[in-house]
Amino acid sequence: MAEPSASIPISEGVGIFVGIVAWDVLSAGEMELLKALLISAGGTAVWYGARCWQCSRRKRR
């Protein structure tokens, strides 16, 4: 039976985005949406890469 591939961590990316926007609002009183989007996209890509790496390590065993 085939194992499912790694899924894209959408909920983690949204959580990072909301956290950064909330931090900006609380600390500076303004939202920098582009900065939050870029950071959350990068974090999501890193998290997805870690999941893919973990799946490939499991398949080799």
N, C-alpha and C. Protein backbone atom coordinates (compact mmCIF):
# COMPACT_ATOMS: atom_id res chain seq x y z
N MET A 1 0.84 -1.18 0.00
CA MET A 1 0.00 0.00 0.00
C MET A 1 0.88 1.24 0.00
N ALA A 2 0.55 2.19 -0.81
CA ALA A 2 1.35 3.41 -0.94
C ALA A 2 1.15 4.32 0.26
N GLU A 3 2.25 4.95 0.67
CA GLU A 3 2.18 5.90 1.78
C GLU A 3 1.80 7.27 1.23
N PRO A 4 1.02 8.03 1.98
CA PRO A 4 0.68 9.38 1.51
C PRO A 4 1.91 10.28 1.52
N SER A 5 1.98 11.17 0.55
CA SER A 5 3.11 12.10 0.50
C SER A 5 2.92 13.21 1.53
N ALA A 6 3.95 13.98 1.74
CA ALA A 6 3.89 15.07 2.71
C ALA A 6 2.92 16.14 2.23
N SER A 7 2.09 16.60 3.13
CA SER A 7 1.13 17.64 2.78
C SER A 7 1.74 19.02 3.04
N ILE A 8 1.24 20.01 2.34
CA ILE A 8 1.71 21.38 2.53
C ILE A 8 1.11 21.91 3.82
N PRO A 9 1.93 22.46 4.71
CA PRO A 9 1.45 22.90 6.03
C PRO A 9 0.74 24.26 5.97
N ILE A 10 -0.48 24.26 5.44
CA ILE A 10 -1.24 25.50 5.29
C ILE A 10 -1.56 26.12 6.65
N SER A 11 -2.03 25.32 7.58
CA SER A 11 -2.44 25.87 8.88
C SER A 11 -1.25 26.46 9.63
N GLU A 12 -0.08 25.84 9.51
CA GLU A 12 1.10 26.40 10.17
C GLU A 12 1.49 27.74 9.55
N GLY A 13 1.40 27.83 8.22
CA GLY A 13 1.71 29.09 7.53
C GLY A 13 0.75 30.20 7.91
N VAL A 14 -0.53 29.88 8.02
CA VAL A 14 -1.51 30.88 8.43
C VAL A 14 -1.25 31.31 9.87
N GLY A 15 -0.88 30.36 10.72
CA GLY A 15 -0.57 30.69 12.10
C GLY A 15 0.63 31.61 12.22
N ILE A 16 1.66 31.36 11.43
CA ILE A 16 2.84 32.23 11.42
C ILE A 16 2.44 33.63 10.95
N PHE A 17 1.64 33.70 9.88
CA PHE A 17 1.20 34.99 9.34
C PHE A 17 0.42 35.79 10.39
N VAL A 18 -0.56 35.14 11.02
CA VAL A 18 -1.37 35.83 12.03
C VAL A 18 -0.52 36.27 13.21
N GLY A 19 0.42 35.42 13.62
CA GLY A 19 1.29 35.78 14.73
C GLY A 19 2.16 36.99 14.43
N ILE A 20 2.70 37.07 13.23
CA ILE A 20 3.55 38.21 12.86
C ILE A 20 2.72 39.48 12.74
N VAL A 21 1.53 39.39 12.15
CA VAL A 21 0.67 40.56 12.04
C VAL A 21 0.26 41.04 13.43
N ALA A 22 -0.08 40.12 14.32
CA ALA A 22 -0.45 40.50 15.68
C ALA A 22 0.72 41.15 16.40
N TRP A 23 1.92 40.61 16.22
CA TRP A 23 3.10 41.20 16.85
C TRP A 23 3.34 42.62 16.34
N ASP A 24 3.20 42.82 15.03
CA ASP A 24 3.37 44.17 14.46
C ASP A 24 2.34 45.14 15.01
N VAL A 25 1.10 44.71 15.11
CA VAL A 25 0.04 45.60 15.61
C VAL A 25 0.29 45.95 17.08
N LEU A 26 0.68 44.97 17.86
CA LEU A 26 0.89 45.22 19.29
C LEU A 26 2.15 46.04 19.56
N SER A 27 3.19 45.84 18.78
CA SER A 27 4.44 46.54 19.06
C SER A 27 4.54 47.90 18.37
N ALA A 28 4.07 48.01 17.13
CA ALA A 28 4.24 49.25 16.39
C ALA A 28 2.92 49.95 16.08
N GLY A 29 1.81 49.27 16.25
CA GLY A 29 0.52 49.87 15.98
C GLY A 29 0.14 49.90 14.51
N GLU A 30 0.88 49.18 13.68
CA GLU A 30 0.55 49.12 12.25
C GLU A 30 0.81 47.71 11.72
N MET A 31 0.15 47.40 10.62
CA MET A 31 0.32 46.07 10.01
C MET A 31 1.23 46.18 8.80
N GLU A 32 2.23 45.33 8.76
CA GLU A 32 3.07 45.22 7.57
C GLU A 32 2.77 43.86 6.95
N LEU A 33 1.75 43.83 6.10
CA LEU A 33 1.26 42.58 5.55
C LEU A 33 2.26 41.91 4.61
N LEU A 34 2.98 42.70 3.84
CA LEU A 34 3.94 42.10 2.91
C LEU A 34 5.06 41.40 3.67
N LYS A 35 5.56 42.04 4.71
CA LYS A 35 6.61 41.42 5.53
C LYS A 35 6.10 40.13 6.16
N ALA A 36 4.89 40.17 6.70
CA ALA A 36 4.31 38.99 7.34
C ALA A 36 4.10 37.88 6.31
N LEU A 37 3.66 38.22 5.11
CA LEU A 37 3.43 37.23 4.06
C LEU A 37 4.74 36.57 3.63
N LEU A 38 5.78 37.37 3.46
CA LEU A 38 7.07 36.81 3.04
C LEU A 38 7.66 35.90 4.11
N ILE A 39 7.58 36.30 5.36
CA ILE A 39 8.12 35.47 6.44
C ILE A 39 7.32 34.18 6.58
N SER A 40 6.00 34.28 6.51
CA SER A 40 5.20 33.07 6.66
C SER A 40 5.36 32.13 5.47
N ALA A 41 5.54 32.67 4.28
CA ALA A 41 5.78 31.82 3.10
C ALA A 41 7.12 31.09 3.24
N GLY A 42 8.12 31.80 3.72
CA GLY A 42 9.42 31.16 3.95
C GLY A 42 9.34 30.09 5.02
N GLY A 43 8.64 30.39 6.11
CA GLY A 43 8.47 29.40 7.17
C GLY A 43 7.71 28.18 6.71
N THR A 44 6.70 28.40 5.90
CA THR A 44 5.92 27.28 5.36
C THR A 44 6.78 26.42 4.44
N ALA A 45 7.61 27.05 3.63
CA ALA A 45 8.49 26.30 2.72
C ALA A 45 9.50 25.47 3.50
N VAL A 46 10.05 26.03 4.56
CA VAL A 46 11.00 25.29 5.39
C VAL A 46 10.30 24.12 6.07
N TRP A 47 9.11 24.36 6.59
CA TRP A 47 8.36 23.30 7.26
C TRP A 47 8.00 22.18 6.28
N TYR A 48 7.61 22.54 5.05
CA TYR A 48 7.29 21.55 4.01
C TYR A 48 8.53 20.75 3.64
N GLY A 49 9.66 21.43 3.53
CA GLY A 49 10.91 20.74 3.24
C GLY A 49 11.28 19.75 4.33
N ALA A 50 11.05 20.13 5.58
CA ALA A 50 11.33 19.22 6.69
C ALA A 50 10.41 18.01 6.65
N ARG A 51 9.15 18.21 6.30
CA ARG A 51 8.22 17.08 6.18
C ARG A 51 8.62 16.14 5.05
N CYS A 52 9.02 16.71 3.91
CA CYS A 52 9.45 15.87 2.78
C CYS A 52 10.70 15.09 3.14
N TRP A 53 11.64 15.71 3.82
CA TRP A 53 12.87 15.05 4.24
C TRP A 53 12.55 13.92 5.20
N GLN A 54 11.63 14.16 6.13
CA GLN A 54 11.25 13.14 7.09
C GLN A 54 10.57 11.96 6.37
N CYS A 55 9.71 12.23 5.41
CA CYS A 55 9.05 11.16 4.66
C CYS A 55 10.07 10.35 3.86
N SER A 56 11.06 11.00 3.27
CA SER A 56 12.03 10.27 2.49
C SER A 56 12.92 9.41 3.40
N ARG A 57 13.18 9.86 4.60
CA ARG A 57 13.95 9.05 5.55
C ARG A 57 13.16 7.83 6.00
N ARG A 58 11.85 7.98 6.16
CA ARG A 58 11.01 6.85 6.56
C ARG A 58 10.93 5.80 5.46
N LYS A 59 10.89 6.25 4.20
CA LYS A 59 10.79 5.31 3.09
C LYS A 59 12.06 4.47 2.94
N ARG A 60 13.21 5.03 3.30
CA ARG A 60 14.47 4.30 3.16
C ARG A 60 14.61 3.21 4.21
N ARG A 61 13.92 3.27 5.30
CA ARG A 61 14.05 2.28 6.37
C ARG A 61 13.37 1.02 6.05
